[in-house]
Amino acid sequence: MSLPIGLYDQLVTEELAARLNTMGDAAQTDELASGEAAGPLLDLLSNTMSRLLESFETDPRDSLLKQLELVNGVLLHLRQQTSG
């Protein structure tokens, strides 16, 4: 699926990069400076987590437990990656 021509303010994920590659010279990207990356990265993480958490469509109690397990797993992973 190709993208309509226009300006976009979003991070280039692997999926988006694959779509941009099909556009050839019509696709141009700019790199973020390291000081500018935190906000967009946090937005991407937040949107992705929201979609994942909302995807649990089972019994409400079971759904809540799965959501908590996912969040706890992500937090644990983040702590392990950032501890020196």
Protein backbone atom coordinates (compact mmCIF):
# COMPACT_ATOMS: atom_id res chain seq x y z
CA MET A 1 0.00 0.00 0.00
CA SER A 2 1.55 3.28 -1.03
CA LEU A 3 1.40 6.52 0.90
CA PRO A 4 -0.29 9.64 -0.44
CA ILE A 5 2.22 12.34 -1.31
CA GLY A 6 2.53 14.85 1.53
CA LEU A 7 4.37 15.81 4.67
CA TYR A 8 4.34 13.43 7.62
CA ASP A 9 5.58 13.97 11.15
CA GLN A 10 6.18 10.46 12.38
CA LEU A 11 8.99 8.09 13.20
CA VAL A 12 10.18 5.78 10.46
CA THR A 13 9.48 2.28 11.76
CA GLU A 14 10.53 -0.86 9.89
CA GLU A 15 7.05 -1.11 8.37
CA LEU A 16 7.05 2.52 7.25
CA ALA A 17 10.60 2.20 5.90
CA ALA A 18 9.48 -0.70 3.71
CA ARG A 19 6.61 1.41 2.35
CA LEU A 20 8.90 4.38 1.75
CA ASN A 21 11.36 2.18 -0.14
CA THR A 22 8.67 1.44 -2.72
CA MET A 23 8.30 5.18 -3.42
CA GLY A 24 11.84 5.71 -4.69
CA ASP A 25 12.98 9.34 -4.93
CA ALA A 26 9.54 10.66 -3.97
CA ALA A 27 10.23 9.71 -0.33
CA GLN A 28 12.56 11.88 1.70
CA THR A 29 13.27 11.68 5.42
CA ASP A 30 15.09 13.82 7.96
CA GLU A 31 16.92 12.50 10.99
CA LEU A 32 16.07 13.64 14.49
CA ALA A 33 18.80 15.01 16.70
CA SER A 34 19.25 12.94 19.85
CA GLY A 35 17.73 15.73 21.95
CA GLU A 36 14.58 15.74 19.80
CA ALA A 37 13.92 11.99 19.86
CA ALA A 38 12.46 11.44 23.33
CA GLY A 39 9.02 12.93 22.63
CA PRO A 40 8.32 11.12 19.35
CA LEU A 41 9.70 7.84 20.74
CA LEU A 42 7.48 8.15 23.80
CA ASP A 43 4.46 8.87 21.58
CA LEU A 44 5.21 5.76 19.51
CA LEU A 45 5.59 3.63 22.63
CA SER A 46 2.40 5.03 24.15
CA ASN A 47 0.31 4.48 21.02
CA THR A 48 1.67 0.97 20.56
CA MET A 49 1.02 0.03 24.19
CA SER A 50 -2.52 1.44 24.01
CA ARG A 51 -3.31 -0.68 20.96
CA LEU A 52 -1.82 -3.78 22.56
CA LEU A 53 -3.66 -3.29 25.83
CA GLU A 54 -6.95 -2.70 24.05
CA SER A 55 -6.46 -5.86 21.97
CA PHE A 56 -7.22 -8.16 24.92
CA GLU A 57 -10.87 -8.93 24.24
CA THR A 58 -11.66 -11.73 26.63
CA ASP A 59 -13.29 -11.97 30.05
CA PRO A 60 -12.76 -8.57 31.76
CA ARG A 61 -10.86 -10.12 34.70
CA ASP A 62 -8.69 -12.21 32.40
CA SER A 63 -8.15 -9.17 30.20
CA LEU A 64 -6.99 -7.04 33.13
CA LEU A 65 -4.56 -9.75 34.26
CA LYS A 66 -3.09 -10.02 30.77
CA GLN A 67 -2.77 -6.24 30.56
CA LEU A 68 -0.99 -6.12 33.92
CA GLU A 69 1.34 -8.94 32.89
CA LEU A 70 2.23 -7.10 29.68
CA VAL A 71 2.88 -3.79 31.46
CA ASN A 72 4.92 -5.49 34.20
CA GLY A 73 6.94 -7.35 31.58
CA VAL A 74 7.69 -4.15 29.67
CA LEU A 75 8.66 -2.30 32.86
CA LEU A 76 10.91 -5.17 33.96
CA HIS A 77 12.60 -5.22 30.57
CA LEU A 78 13.13 -1.45 30.66
CA ARG A 79 14.65 -1.64 34.13
CA GLN A 80 16.99 -4.45 33.04
CA GLN A 81 18.08 -2.50 29.96
CA THR A 82 18.81 0.69 31.88
CA SER A 83 20.47 -0.67 34.99
CA GLY A 84 24.24 -0.45 34.83
